[in-house]
Every structure is written in structure tokens, then in C-alpha cells.
Protein backbone atom coordinates (compact mmCIF):
# COMPACT_ATOMS: atom_id res chain seq x y z
CA UNK A 1 86.20 45.30 70.70
CA UNK A 2 85.42 42.69 67.68
CA UNK A 3 82.55 42.93 65.67
CA UNK A 4 79.75 40.39 65.93
CA UNK A 5 77.24 40.08 62.80
CA UNK A 6 74.57 37.62 63.25
CA UNK A 7 72.45 35.96 60.00
CA UNK A 8 69.34 34.21 61.47
CA UNK A 9 67.59 32.13 59.67
CA UNK A 10 69.80 32.37 56.83
CA UNK A 11 68.16 30.01 54.35
CA UNK A 12 65.36 31.35 51.53
CA UNK A 13 63.97 28.15 52.45
CA UNK A 14 63.92 25.83 54.44
CA UNK A 15 65.28 27.89 57.64
CA UNK A 16 66.39 26.91 60.60
CA UNK A 17 70.15 27.65 60.06
CA UNK A 18 71.82 31.01 62.42
CA UNK A 19 75.40 32.62 61.20
CA UNK A 20 77.48 34.18 63.57
CA UNK A 21 80.53 36.23 62.31
CA UNK A 22 82.90 38.11 64.09
CA UNK A 23 84.51 41.05 62.42
CA UNK A 24 88.58 42.48 62.20
CA UNK A 25 88.70 46.22 61.90
CA UNK A 26 88.33 45.57 58.18
CA UNK A 27 85.26 44.64 58.13
CA UNK A 28 86.76 40.94 57.32
CA UNK A 29 85.13 38.16 58.85
CA UNK A 30 87.70 37.06 61.50
CA UNK A 31 85.93 33.90 62.49
CA UNK A 32 82.27 32.49 61.81
CA UNK A 33 80.02 30.06 63.54
CA UNK A 34 76.73 27.93 62.32
CA UNK A 35 73.84 27.28 64.68
CA UNK A 36 71.03 24.42 63.59
CA UNK A 37 68.62 26.05 66.00
CA UNK A 38 66.25 22.79 65.26
CA UNK A 39 66.23 19.56 66.45
CA UNK A 40 65.35 16.47 63.53
CA UNK A 41 63.99 13.77 65.69
CA UNK A 42 63.43 11.26 63.04
CA UNK A 43 66.17 8.42 64.14
CA UNK A 44 63.56 8.27 67.07
CA UNK A 45 60.64 8.55 65.66
CA UNK A 46 61.90 5.38 63.54
CA UNK A 47 62.23 3.20 66.51
CA UNK A 48 60.03 0.10 66.54
CA UNK A 49 58.53 0.73 62.82
CA UNK A 50 58.84 -1.87 60.30
CA UNK A 51 61.93 -1.33 58.05
CA UNK A 52 59.63 -1.45 54.82
CA UNK A 53 57.61 1.84 55.64
CA UNK A 54 61.02 4.09 56.42
CA UNK A 55 61.26 5.81 53.34
CA UNK A 56 57.80 7.29 53.77
CA UNK A 57 58.84 8.59 57.33
CA UNK A 58 62.43 9.83 56.29
CA UNK A 59 61.64 11.72 53.12
CA UNK A 60 59.55 13.71 54.29
CA UNK A 61 62.62 15.43 56.24
CA UNK A 62 62.65 17.68 53.46
CA UNK A 63 59.87 19.06 51.01
CA UNK A 64 62.76 20.49 48.58
CA UNK A 65 65.03 17.09 48.37
CA UNK A 66 61.81 15.36 47.60
CA UNK A 67 62.94 12.11 46.59
CA UNK A 68 66.51 11.47 48.17
CA UNK A 69 65.72 10.37 51.31
CA UNK A 70 63.16 7.95 50.43
CA UNK A 71 66.07 6.35 47.71
CA UNK A 72 68.56 6.41 50.71
CA UNK A 73 66.14 4.83 53.12
CA UNK A 74 64.66 2.07 50.67
CA UNK A 75 68.67 1.24 49.51
CA UNK A 76 69.94 0.56 53.14
CA UNK A 77 66.99 -1.83 53.92
CA UNK A 78 67.47 -3.60 50.74
CA UNK A 79 71.37 -3.57 51.60
CA UNK A 80 70.32 -5.05 54.97
CA UNK A 81 68.33 -7.83 53.89
CA UNK A 82 69.89 -8.59 50.29
CA UNK A 83 67.54 -7.45 47.54
CA UNK A 84 68.88 -6.75 44.51
CA UNK A 85 66.59 -4.98 42.99
CA UNK A 86 65.38 -5.22 39.04
CA UNK A 87 67.42 -3.53 36.06
CA UNK A 88 64.61 -1.66 35.40
CA UNK A 89 64.27 -0.50 38.68
CA UNK A 90 67.73 0.75 38.99
CA UNK A 91 67.29 2.87 35.82
CA UNK A 92 63.74 4.42 37.07
CA UNK A 93 65.91 5.52 40.22
CA UNK A 94 68.64 6.51 38.69
CA UNK A 95 66.56 8.61 35.96
CA UNK A 96 64.37 9.91 39.33
CA UNK A 97 67.29 11.27 40.86
CA UNK A 98 69.14 12.76 38.10
CA UNK A 99 65.43 14.59 37.81
CA UNK A 100 65.31 15.60 41.19
CA UNK A 101 69.68 16.95 40.86
CA UNK A 102 68.77 18.71 37.88
CA UNK A 103 65.65 20.29 39.29
CA UNK A 104 67.02 21.18 42.23
CA UNK A 105 70.12 22.75 41.14
CA UNK A 106 67.85 25.26 38.48
CA UNK A 107 65.66 26.32 41.51
CA UNK A 108 68.72 27.02 43.48
CA UNK A 109 70.27 29.27 40.84
CA UNK A 110 67.48 30.98 40.06
CA UNK A 111 65.42 31.37 43.36
CA UNK A 112 67.69 31.03 45.77
CA UNK A 113 71.09 32.32 45.20
CA UNK A 114 70.74 34.51 41.54
CA UNK A 115 69.23 37.58 44.11
CA UNK A 116 72.54 37.41 46.24
CA UNK A 117 74.19 38.72 42.38
CA UNK A 118 71.32 40.39 41.15
CA UNK A 119 69.73 43.76 42.16
CA UNK A 120 65.92 43.49 41.34
CA UNK A 121 65.37 47.50 41.51
CA UNK A 122 68.45 48.12 39.53
CA UNK A 123 67.03 46.16 36.57
CA UNK A 124 63.58 49.01 36.59
CA UNK A 125 66.30 51.33 35.14
CA UNK A 126 67.39 48.97 32.29
CA UNK A 127 67.22 49.78 28.43
CA UNK A 128 65.26 46.96 26.76
CA UNK A 129 66.79 47.02 23.61
CA UNK A 130 70.28 46.46 25.48
CA UNK A 131 68.77 43.60 27.43
CA UNK A 132 67.69 41.79 23.92
CA UNK A 133 71.15 42.85 22.13
CA UNK A 134 72.62 40.98 25.45
CA UNK A 135 70.57 37.77 25.14
CA UNK A 136 70.23 37.39 21.70
CA UNK A 137 74.38 37.82 22.26
CA UNK A 138 74.73 34.58 24.78
CA UNK A 139 71.70 32.54 23.85
CA UNK A 140 69.31 31.55 21.08
CA UNK A 141 66.73 31.45 23.29
CA UNK A 142 63.24 32.85 21.71
CA UNK A 143 62.35 35.11 24.08
CA UNK A 144 64.79 37.19 23.54
CA UNK A 145 62.93 40.62 21.91
CA UNK A 146 62.93 44.17 22.70
CA UNK A 147 59.19 43.84 23.18
CA UNK A 148 59.34 40.77 25.55
CA UNK A 149 62.03 42.79 27.70
CA UNK A 150 59.56 45.33 27.38
CA UNK A 151 56.40 43.93 28.90
CA UNK A 152 58.73 42.29 31.40
CA UNK A 153 59.71 45.83 32.61
CA UNK A 154 56.57 47.13 32.77
CA UNK A 155 55.28 44.40 34.89
CA UNK A 156 58.36 44.93 37.48
CA UNK A 157 57.75 48.33 37.49
CA UNK A 158 54.33 48.29 38.37
CA UNK A 159 55.34 45.46 40.87
CA UNK A 160 57.51 47.32 42.95
CA UNK A 161 55.62 51.02 42.65
CA UNK A 162 52.74 49.16 44.30
CA UNK A 163 54.88 48.52 47.26
CA UNK A 164 54.51 44.50 47.39
CA UNK A 165 57.27 43.34 46.27
CA UNK A 166 56.30 39.65 47.37
CA UNK A 167 58.59 37.25 46.20
CA UNK A 168 61.52 40.02 45.93
CA UNK A 169 61.32 41.49 49.20
CA UNK A 170 63.73 42.18 51.36
CA UNK A 171 66.52 42.30 49.38
CA UNK A 172 69.56 44.51 49.93
CA UNK A 173 68.96 45.99 46.70
CA UNK A 174 71.50 48.63 45.88
CA UNK A 175 73.87 47.21 48.05
CA UNK A 176 77.49 48.14 46.69
CA UNK A 177 78.31 45.35 46.05
CA UNK A 178 76.24 44.31 43.13
CA UNK A 179 78.21 44.90 40.39
CA UNK A 180 75.81 43.42 37.28
CA UNK A 181 74.63 46.73 34.53
CA UNK A 182 70.94 47.39 34.94
CA UNK A 183 70.58 45.14 31.01
CA UNK A 184 71.73 42.14 32.64
CA UNK A 185 69.81 42.42 35.99
CA UNK A 186 66.80 42.53 33.27
CA UNK A 187 68.10 39.69 31.93
CA UNK A 188 68.16 37.85 35.10
CA UNK A 189 64.89 38.55 36.96
CA UNK A 190 63.09 37.91 33.41
CA UNK A 191 64.81 34.27 33.58
CA UNK A 192 64.36 33.69 37.22
CA UNK A 193 60.06 34.06 36.75
CA UNK A 194 60.65 31.56 33.77
CA UNK A 195 62.65 28.91 35.57
CA UNK A 196 59.70 29.42 38.14
CA UNK A 197 57.67 28.39 36.07
CA UNK A 198 59.50 25.95 34.17
CA UNK A 199 61.12 24.09 37.20
CA UNK A 200 57.68 22.60 37.91
CA UNK A 201 57.55 20.60 34.44
CA UNK A 202 60.83 19.02 34.50
CA UNK A 203 59.29 17.25 38.26
CA UNK A 204 56.33 15.92 36.66
CA UNK A 205 58.50 12.74 36.28
CA UNK A 206 58.27 11.98 39.39
CA UNK A 207 54.55 11.92 39.16
CA UNK A 208 54.89 9.54 36.61
CA UNK A 209 57.01 7.44 37.95
CA UNK A 210 55.93 7.85 41.88
CA UNK A 211 52.41 8.68 41.66
CA UNK A 212 53.14 12.31 43.15
CA UNK A 213 55.91 15.04 43.66
CA UNK A 214 56.48 16.20 46.23
CA UNK A 215 57.34 12.72 47.65
CA UNK A 216 56.72 10.30 45.21
CA UNK A 217 56.53 6.46 46.15
CA UNK A 218 58.98 4.35 46.68
CA UNK A 219 59.19 0.64 48.11
CA UNK A 220 61.57 -1.91 48.40
CA UNK A 221 62.53 -4.66 46.10
CA UNK A 222 62.30 -1.83 43.19
CA UNK A 223 59.76 1.03 42.12
CA UNK A 224 56.07 0.68 42.31
CA UNK A 225 55.01 1.51 39.15
CA UNK A 226 54.43 -1.19 36.74
CA UNK A 227 55.28 -0.81 32.90
CA UNK A 228 53.23 -2.25 30.10
CA UNK A 229 53.50 -0.36 26.25
CA UNK A 230 49.88 -0.75 26.01
CA UNK A 231 48.17 -0.26 29.20
CA UNK A 232 45.94 2.30 30.29
CA UNK A 233 46.74 2.90 34.31
CA UNK A 234 50.60 2.04 33.55
CA UNK A 235 53.57 3.50 32.44
CA UNK A 236 52.81 2.95 28.36
CA UNK A 237 53.89 4.61 25.55
CA UNK A 238 52.10 8.09 25.77
CA UNK A 239 53.52 8.53 29.12
CA UNK A 240 57.04 7.36 28.07
CA UNK A 241 56.55 10.15 25.38
CA UNK A 242 55.73 12.88 27.91
CA UNK A 243 59.22 11.89 29.40
CA UNK A 244 61.06 12.42 26.43
CA UNK A 245 59.24 15.73 25.71
CA UNK A 246 60.07 16.55 29.47
CA UNK A 247 63.69 15.97 29.16
CA UNK A 248 64.28 17.74 25.50
CA UNK A 249 62.92 20.67 26.86
CA UNK A 250 64.67 20.24 29.88
CA UNK A 251 68.53 19.86 28.05
CA UNK A 252 67.19 23.16 25.95
CA UNK A 253 66.14 25.77 29.11
CA UNK A 254 69.65 24.31 30.69
CA UNK A 255 71.57 25.03 27.15
CA UNK A 256 70.01 28.08 26.08
CA UNK A 257 69.41 30.17 29.41
CA UNK A 258 71.02 28.62 32.95
CA UNK A 259 74.46 28.03 31.87
CA UNK A 260 74.18 31.61 29.63
CA UNK A 261 73.46 33.46 32.47
CA UNK A 262 75.49 31.52 34.71
CA UNK A 263 78.43 32.36 32.88
CA UNK A 264 76.94 36.21 31.64
CA UNK A 265 77.03 36.65 35.69
CA UNK A 266 80.04 34.72 37.03
CA UNK A 267 81.84 37.01 34.23
CA UNK A 268 81.38 40.43 36.55
CA UNK A 269 82.25 38.50 39.75
CA UNK A 270 85.12 36.75 39.08
CA UNK A 271 87.15 37.99 42.12
CA UNK A 272 84.72 35.58 44.04
CA UNK A 273 86.75 33.10 42.49
CA UNK A 274 89.04 33.71 45.56
CA UNK A 275 86.51 34.26 48.52
CA UNK A 276 84.91 31.05 50.26
CA UNK A 277 87.34 28.29 49.47
CA UNK A 278 87.26 26.99 52.94
CA UNK A 279 88.27 23.71 54.10
CA UNK A 280 89.63 22.32 50.91
CA UNK A 281 88.81 18.71 51.64
CA UNK A 282 85.88 17.06 49.48
CA UNK A 283 83.95 13.86 49.85
CA UNK A 284 81.35 12.39 48.17
CA UNK A 285 80.06 8.79 48.15
CA UNK A 286 78.98 8.59 44.47
CA UNK A 287 76.15 7.66 42.82
CA UNK A 288 73.92 6.37 39.59
CA UNK A 289 75.21 2.80 39.68
CA UNK A 290 75.89 1.60 36.38
CA UNK A 291 75.18 -1.96 37.09
CA UNK A 292 74.98 -3.03 41.10
CA UNK A 293 74.94 -0.68 43.74
CA UNK A 294 77.43 -2.25 45.94
CA UNK A 295 79.76 -1.99 42.43
CA UNK A 296 81.22 1.92 43.22
CA UNK A 297 83.85 1.28 39.83
CA UNK A 298 80.03 1.61 38.44
CA UNK A 299 78.71 4.80 39.40
CA UNK A 300 78.39 7.91 36.76
CA UNK A 301 79.50 10.22 40.04
CA UNK A 302 82.48 8.60 41.18
CA UNK A 303 82.93 7.92 44.62
CA UNK A 304 86.05 9.25 46.65
CA UNK A 305 87.55 11.99 48.55
CA UNK A 306 90.22 15.03 47.95
CA UNK A 307 92.60 16.59 50.77
CA UNK A 308 94.16 20.00 51.24
CA UNK A 309 92.75 20.61 47.66
CA UNK A 310 94.90 18.77 45.84
CA UNK A 311 93.77 18.12 42.35
CA UNK A 312 96.56 15.49 41.61
CA UNK A 313 94.78 12.38 44.06
CA UNK A 314 91.59 11.29 44.91
CA UNK A 315 91.44 8.82 48.18
CA UNK A 316 89.57 6.35 46.83
CA UNK A 317 89.33 4.41 50.03
CA UNK A 318 86.13 5.68 51.09
CA UNK A 319 83.67 2.92 52.89
CA UNK A 320 80.93 4.78 55.15
CA UNK A 321 80.77 0.99 56.76
CA UNK A 322 84.21 1.32 58.04
CA UNK A 323 83.38 1.86 62.15
CA UNK A 324 86.78 3.95 61.86
CA UNK A 325 85.90 6.28 58.48
CA UNK A 326 82.55 8.12 59.25
CA UNK A 327 81.85 9.28 63.07
CA UNK A 328 79.69 12.29 64.43
CA UNK A 329 80.70 14.43 67.40
CA UNK A 330 79.06 16.57 69.88
CA UNK A 331 81.82 18.65 71.54
CA UNK A 332 79.41 21.51 70.80
CA UNK A 333 76.45 20.11 69.79
CA UNK A 334 73.02 20.00 71.78
CA UNK A 335 73.42 15.98 72.13
CA UNK A 336 75.16 13.35 74.80
CA UNK A 337 76.05 10.39 74.43
CA UNK A 338 76.13 7.25 76.50
CA UNK A 339 79.32 6.27 78.45
CA UNK A 340 80.82 9.95 77.61
CA UNK A 341 81.62 8.71 74.22
CA UNK A 342 83.43 11.66 71.89
CA UNK A 343 82.14 10.42 68.60
CA UNK A 344 80.38 7.37 67.10
CA UNK A 345 80.40 5.81 63.57
CA UNK A 346 75.89 5.80 62.68
CA UNK A 347 75.67 2.14 63.70
CA UNK A 348 76.57 2.60 66.45
CA UNK A 349 75.08 6.24 66.81
CA UNK A 350 73.11 8.14 69.57
CA UNK A 351 70.29 10.30 69.55
CA UNK A 352 70.12 12.15 72.83
CA UNK A 353 69.08 15.49 72.66
CA UNK A 354 69.67 18.00 75.77
CA UNK A 355 69.45 21.25 75.21
CA UNK A 356 72.35 23.42 77.19
CA UNK A 357 72.40 26.65 75.25
CA UNK A 358 71.58 30.23 76.17
CA UNK A 359 67.14 31.20 76.98
CA UNK A 360 65.04 32.39 74.76
CA UNK A 361 66.03 34.69 73.07
CA UNK A 362 69.18 35.30 73.05
CA UNK A 363 71.91 37.99 71.39
CA UNK A 364 74.74 35.59 70.79
CA UNK A 365 75.41 32.02 71.36
CA UNK A 366 77.81 30.92 73.78
CA UNK A 367 80.10 29.20 70.99
CA UNK A 368 82.72 28.16 73.47
CA UNK A 369 80.33 25.75 74.48
CA UNK A 370 77.43 24.05 72.53
CA UNK A 371 75.47 25.63 70.52
CA UNK A 372 74.28 23.98 67.66
CA UNK A 373 71.78 21.53 66.87
CA UNK A 374 73.52 19.67 64.34
CA UNK A 375 76.63 16.76 65.43
CA UNK A 376 79.60 17.11 63.59
CA UNK A 377 80.41 13.90 61.17
CA UNK A 378 83.96 13.43 60.13
CA UNK A 379 85.77 11.48 57.40
CA UNK A 380 89.03 9.93 58.82
CA UNK A 381 89.36 12.47 61.44
CA UNK A 382 88.84 15.05 58.66
CA UNK A 383 86.20 18.10 58.31
CA UNK A 384 84.71 17.43 54.94
CA UNK A 385 82.50 19.47 52.25
CA UNK A 386 80.11 17.81 50.33
CA UNK A 387 78.00 18.41 47.22
CA UNK A 388 78.35 19.17 43.62
CA UNK A 389 81.59 20.62 43.82
CA UNK A 390 82.57 17.99 45.70
CA UNK A 391 81.04 15.87 43.09
CA UNK A 392 82.96 17.80 40.40
CA UNK A 393 86.27 18.31 41.80
CA UNK A 394 86.69 14.16 42.50
CA UNK A 395 85.76 13.25 38.84
CA UNK A 396 87.50 15.58 37.32
CA UNK A 397 90.63 14.85 38.98
CA UNK A 398 89.44 10.88 37.71
CA UNK A 399 89.15 12.14 34.57
CA UNK A 400 85.52 11.55 33.77
CA UNK A 401 85.39 12.54 30.12
CA UNK A 402 82.24 14.69 30.08
CA UNK A 403 83.37 16.51 33.36
CA UNK A 404 86.33 17.53 32.02
CA UNK A 405 85.61 18.84 29.05
CA UNK A 406 82.55 20.75 30.69
CA UNK A 407 85.11 21.67 33.32
CA UNK A 408 87.37 23.23 31.41
CA UNK A 409 84.88 25.10 28.69
CA UNK A 410 83.86 26.99 31.63
CA UNK A 411 87.29 27.86 33.23
CA UNK A 412 88.29 28.94 29.66
CA UNK A 413 85.12 31.13 29.39
CA UNK A 414 85.27 32.89 32.77
CA UNK A 415 89.83 32.78 32.26
CA UNK A 416 90.19 31.48 35.34
CA UNK A 417 92.70 29.02 37.19
CA UNK A 418 91.25 25.90 38.06
CA UNK A 419 92.04 27.03 41.61
CA UNK A 420 89.44 29.67 41.33
CA UNK A 421 87.12 26.36 42.01
CA UNK A 422 87.96 26.42 45.42
CA UNK A 423 85.69 29.05 45.88
CA UNK A 424 82.13 30.67 46.52
CA UNK A 425 82.44 31.14 42.60
CA UNK A 426 83.57 27.62 42.01
CA UNK A 427 80.51 26.26 43.99
CA UNK A 428 78.15 28.20 42.18
CA UNK A 429 79.27 27.09 38.62
CA UNK A 430 79.87 23.36 40.12
CA UNK A 431 76.13 23.26 40.17
CA UNK A 432 75.46 24.83 36.68
CA UNK A 433 78.26 21.87 34.97
CA UNK A 434 76.23 19.05 37.31
CA UNK A 435 72.76 20.36 36.12
CA UNK A 436 73.82 19.98 32.53
CA UNK A 437 75.43 15.97 33.00
CA UNK A 438 72.75 15.04 34.63
CA UNK A 439 70.40 16.35 32.27
CA UNK A 440 72.68 14.26 29.92
CA UNK A 441 71.53 11.52 32.73
CA UNK A 442 68.35 11.50 32.25
CA UNK A 443 68.51 11.16 28.34
CA UNK A 444 70.66 8.05 29.42
CA UNK A 445 68.45 6.56 31.45
CA UNK A 446 65.87 7.30 29.64
CA UNK A 447 66.85 5.58 26.38
CA UNK A 448 67.91 2.58 28.78
CA UNK A 449 64.08 1.83 29.95
CA UNK A 450 63.23 2.02 26.40
CA UNK A 451 65.18 -0.43 24.71
CA UNK A 452 64.67 -2.76 27.82
CA UNK A 453 61.04 -1.99 27.74
CA UNK A 454 61.09 -3.13 23.65
CA UNK A 455 63.24 -6.25 24.21
CA UNK A 456 59.76 -7.27 26.79
CA UNK A 457 61.72 -6.91 29.73
CA UNK A 458 59.15 -4.98 32.08
CA UNK A 459 59.94 -6.09 35.52
CA UNK A 460 60.22 -3.42 38.01
CA UNK A 461 59.97 -5.12 41.72
CA UNK A 462 61.49 -8.25 43.36
CA UNK A 463 58.99 -9.90 45.90
CA UNK A 464 61.42 -12.91 46.89
CA UNK A 465 62.45 -11.60 49.66
CA UNK A 466 59.24 -8.49 51.24
CA UNK A 467 58.12 -11.09 53.48
CA UNK A 468 60.53 -10.09 56.79
CA UNK A 469 59.75 -13.78 57.53
CA UNK A 470 62.71 -14.15 55.08
CA UNK A 471 64.91 -11.69 56.32
CA UNK A 472 67.54 -12.40 58.86
CA UNK A 473 67.48 -11.92 62.49
CA UNK A 474 69.31 -9.28 63.03
CA UNK A 475 71.24 -7.02 60.33
CA UNK A 476 72.48 -4.09 59.43
CA UNK A 477 72.58 -2.22 56.47
CA UNK A 478 73.65 1.56 54.48
CA UNK A 479 72.18 3.04 51.93
CA UNK A 480 73.25 6.44 50.20
CA UNK A 481 73.18 9.12 47.52
CA UNK A 482 74.38 12.04 46.21
CA UNK A 483 71.39 14.55 47.09
CA UNK A 484 71.83 17.92 45.41
CA UNK A 485 72.86 19.35 48.60
CA UNK A 486 75.63 16.42 48.95
CA UNK A 487 76.57 13.35 50.65
CA UNK A 488 73.93 11.56 51.89
CA UNK A 489 73.60 8.62 54.41
CA UNK A 490 71.32 6.64 55.94
CA UNK A 491 72.38 3.69 58.30
CA UNK A 492 69.76 1.27 59.83
CA UNK A 493 70.16 -1.92 62.36
CA UNK A 494 66.90 -4.52 61.77
CA UNK A 495 66.16 -6.80 64.33
CA UNK A 496 63.31 -9.71 64.44
CA UNK A 497 61.79 -7.53 61.10
CA UNK A 498 61.77 -3.93 63.08
CA UNK A 499 63.73 -1.44 63.32
CA UNK A 500 66.21 -1.28 66.34
CA UNK A 501 68.38 1.82 65.01
CA UNK A 502 68.27 4.21 62.21
CA UNK A 503 70.81 7.19 61.53
CA UNK A 504 70.68 9.50 59.20
CA UNK A 505 73.76 11.98 58.82
CA UNK A 506 72.64 14.31 55.95
CA UNK A 507 74.56 17.13 53.29
CA UNK A 508 73.98 19.80 55.53
CA UNK A 509 75.40 18.13 58.45
CA UNK A 510 78.44 17.93 56.75
CA UNK A 511 78.53 21.35 55.47
CA UNK A 512 76.45 23.18 58.61
CA UNK A 513 78.48 21.34 61.64
CA UNK A 514 79.89 23.66 64.53
CA UNK A 515 83.39 22.71 65.50
CA UNK A 516 84.73 19.70 66.73
CA UNK A 517 86.44 18.26 69.53
CA UNK A 518 89.86 19.98 68.45
CA UNK A 519 88.46 23.55 68.17
CA UNK A 520 88.36 23.22 63.88
CA UNK A 521 85.77 24.61 62.23
CA UNK A 522 82.83 23.04 59.46
CA UNK A 523 82.87 23.75 55.99
CA UNK A 524 80.02 27.05 56.33
CA UNK A 525 82.30 28.40 59.09
CA UNK A 526 85.81 27.90 57.13
CA UNK A 527 83.98 29.10 54.17
CA UNK A 528 83.46 32.78 55.66
CA UNK A 529 86.26 33.28 57.03
CA UNK A 530 88.14 35.94 55.46
CA UNK A 531 85.33 37.49 53.45
CA UNK A 532 85.19 41.14 52.88
CA UNK A 533 82.00 42.93 54.22
CA UNK A 534 81.18 45.94 51.69
CA UNK A 535 78.21 47.09 54.70
CA UNK A 536 78.67 44.79 57.30
CA UNK A 537 74.92 46.03 58.36
CA UNK A 538 73.67 44.85 55.31
CA UNK A 539 75.74 41.23 55.27
CA UNK A 540 75.18 40.26 51.65
CA UNK A 541 78.46 38.28 51.30
CA UNK A 542 77.75 36.16 54.08
CA UNK A 543 74.76 35.25 52.24
CA UNK A 544 76.61 34.45 48.99
CA UNK A 545 79.10 32.29 50.59
CA UNK A 546 76.46 30.20 52.59
CA UNK A 547 74.35 30.34 49.71
CA UNK A 548 76.05 28.87 47.42
CA UNK A 549 76.22 25.53 49.49
CA UNK A 550 72.15 25.74 49.18
CA UNK A 551 71.90 24.93 52.59
CA UNK A 552 68.95 23.37 53.66
CA UNK A 553 67.76 22.07 57.56
CA UNK A 554 64.72 20.64 57.77
CA UNK A 555 63.59 17.70 59.89
CA UNK A 556 62.90 20.18 62.99
CA UNK A 557 60.92 18.33 65.54
CA UNK A 558 60.62 20.98 67.55
CA UNK A 559 58.11 24.59 66.07
CA UNK A 560 59.10 28.05 67.08
CA UNK A 561 57.33 31.40 66.13
CA UNK A 562 59.18 34.27 64.97
CA UNK A 563 60.39 35.54 68.09
CA UNK A 564 61.65 31.82 69.07
CA UNK A 565 58.79 30.63 70.99
CA UNK A 566 58.12 27.18 71.23
CA UNK A 567 54.57 26.37 70.16
CA UNK A 568 54.69 22.39 69.57
CA UNK A 569 56.71 19.67 70.55
CA UNK A 570 56.37 16.63 69.40
CA UNK A 571 57.48 14.07 71.89
CA UNK A 572 58.66 10.42 71.65
CA UNK A 573 56.81 8.00 74.17
């Protein structure tokens, strides 16, 4: 009988994801099933509300990607009613978006994914002098003396001996799949703790422009932050100088800590360049417009799709407003569509939840039937992977100079072919490559903003279409961004100044989707197939591949306790 392994929940934050795998006789994953275990109900909550308020609701979908839903939301309203934002607003939004991606990738590598590769307990046997020598050989980062690592080891030892591992609890320490020597493990743990402190500095840019973080403020028509170089309570010279220092420090941390760590760890796991490839289909909406948001040719991250791992061609015919291109199926999702529809474009989308799974608590899902609260998006009827790997591959094939140079550097340093990008290791490396680029975007947009302010341009908001009475009585809009986890789309239908319909397709819906009506798996499910398991009782390898996507399944309207019992229900009345 086939052995079934269940990991639930699987993310380190924003849980609600269950993975069930079926192993063959050699303990390799023969099949996998991804189930979103909580319902997202934001689409129903938004009906009848003022479209100018939608960003504030949708942004609460997630406390990790703290700004991306707001960007997509204001863009979709502006698209519907025909608002063109000022140049400074475009620049500030791009800067905030680049800040989000950079901070999120640092958090992902160190705090959500590193412990899949780094054995914390092994670090206790490290020689601090050896760790220091390794650190100084790969980077000029100043915190690299033997004394620094000796003190850290002492702190870590006391932490472990106390029996209170805290943030390092529930790890598979000592697992045979861990390959790093103790000295490298100690180096990685040191930078884990440094990154935990440093990431909160980066995100202060959101507080400066948006008033707070998480969930900085946005506004339809621009940004809510006034600019006056000599003002007191606005963006002034002092705050611009603060932003510059944050950007400088961020680039230094990425160049001297993140990238050296990524390459150092990856060299011990090059076999993972052949594991976790999955679908081989990649989709990106593109982002960071250098001119108008409706001009994909100006995007620093280009729009496009790659099919069947073909690195010779990018399909540029990606149009999320084309009713024939993007559709969501519900063949294996706990929803119904009126009129017995099989799939719907988001502008025609429906959110009709209907749970038909096993009664709680259950041992296994009935994967022959409906088994997830996630729908199943498809692009031109193809299952697609979205995220940093998709963005990097599309930019690489399209010949974006910065990406081509960085990708080739990483491939050469690791001594692996380009085909190794189609893997768990490639997905993890792509985040580092992208993080370095987005940190560069931060500097680029800062320079653009300063140049505009020096020229006397301080406009950040266009009020000409703020009043809904000036809007079309019936209109539709599409807003998007490339969130850290991938292509994010918001589709809105406005009637008489109110939201008639709103649909959101998030990156983890693409990647974590269940089977479609043809039985084809989603990205997580496909990537897990063939994964070798050293010890099925300690499914570390499943974590590695799924965490490489950075799963985030938030915005549930049901809350359940650790035993699966419902404790709160939010009803739409």
C-alpha cells in the first residue's frame, strides 16, 4: 500500500496550507496534493463599498506582503475610471514596492527558508575561529571576528541548554539531509539573527511614505504623502537623507551578507538543482513602470510567459483583461459557479463557497473530489508558476542586462548549467538575484524622486477624478503588481460609484492551486513529484521545495484552533 505523508500546516508564517504526499517503495514522492485550508472572503466583503476604500480592505489580506494588495487595488480603480497619477506618485509607489520585495526576500531566505538547509544544533559544535576564517574569505562584512562568533556560540548554547529553543523550536535538527559543516551552520545562524534585526530597518521607508508598517497608507490618484524640502511634517530633506542611508545600508547587507551566504550554502546542496522543477511554465505580469502603467514595454521586470522550460522564447501575449486568457477553475475547489460553469475569467468571477470535504477532524483529504479552498487559475489553459524564478527567467531570456549578468555570475560561481534554475535550488537562488536587483531599483527611484524635487516638481496626487460623480456609471478595471511571491491581480467592476464585483487572484493561488478539470497539478503539486525522502517521518525535503515558493495563504474568513475546530465565523449579510 502506498504510504501517505501529511504536513499541516507547512508555512512558517501565514499557515492554512496542507500538503499530502504519496510515496513510492523507494520513499520518493510519487504524487502530491496541495490544500488551502481556510476560506478567503474579501471579494464578498468588498461588494457595495466605495472603490476608493478597497485598498484598505484588500491590504489586510496579508501582514507579510504589507503593501502589494494596496498597490494592485488603487491601480485597478484608477484603470477603471481613467486616472493617471503624477510622476512622483509613480516613483514613490515603485520605491515602496522595491522596498517590499527587498525586505521580503531577506526575511524569506533567513527566517522562512534557511532552516530547511541550516542545522541550528550542529552550530553548537562549531569552531568559532574556523567560522571566522570562512566568513572573512567570502565577504568583507565587519562582524566576522573569532570573538564575535565565540560570543554568539555561547549565547546559542545557553539558549539550547535552557530547553527553550523559541524561534528554533520544532526543527528537524540532526536530519540526515543536512549537509552544512558546523562552522557554516554557525555562520548562517549568526546572520539569521542579524537579518532579523536588520529587516525592520529597511521597511522604515514604508513608514516614511505611508505613515506606518505594516499596511502603509495609499490613495486612489497618487500617494498621500506631501513633499516639501523645507517642510516640517512632510517628506523633507531630512527624511530623504534618512531614506538614502537605509538604501545604502540595505545594498551593503545584501552584497556582503545575503549573497555570500546564499552562494556558500548552495554549494553544499547542488544536487537540489535537479529537484523540484515542477511545471516548467512561468508567468509574470511585470512591474516597475518607468512611464505609464499601461505600457508593459517600460517595465523593469518584463511581462511574459515561458512554457515547457523553453529558454529560447518568451510569449509576450499576456493580457489579464482578455477574457479568454486567465480563468479560474473549481473542479477540485470548495466553490460553486452559477450555471454549472467550469471556469470563469475574474471579471466574470463568482465567490460561492460550499464546503464538501470530510468532517473535521480528518486523517486524509478525498483528493479525487474537491479538496481545497483555493481555486485553480490557468493562463491560456496552462498551469503556471509565478514568483521570483518566473520573473528572473523571463528577464533573462529577454536579455535584460542586469539580470543576464547576475544570473550568469551565479551559475558560474556554483558551476551549474542554466537548466539548474528549474529547481528548488534555482527558485531559492532567483530570490537572491532578484533581491540584489530590487535594491538597485530602490536607489534608482530615490535618485529619480530627488531629481524631480530639485527641479521643483512636488506633485503627488491628482484630484481631478476623485469625485465618483465624474466616473463612468459602469466600468471595469484591472490592477496588478509583481508581489514578492509572484503575479498578483485585482479585477473590479464599478457601478454607480460602488463596487459591484471584485476578484483577487494572488500568487499562492497560482502556485498552491489544486488539480484542474483535466487532472493537471498546480505548481506545488508538480514540484514535489520525484522528491527523494531520507526519512519520511521527518519530511524535511517537502518543506524545502514548498518553502522555496514562499507560501503565504492568508485572508481566511474562518478561524480554527489547532485541532481544526471552528471558533469564529465571519458571515456576509
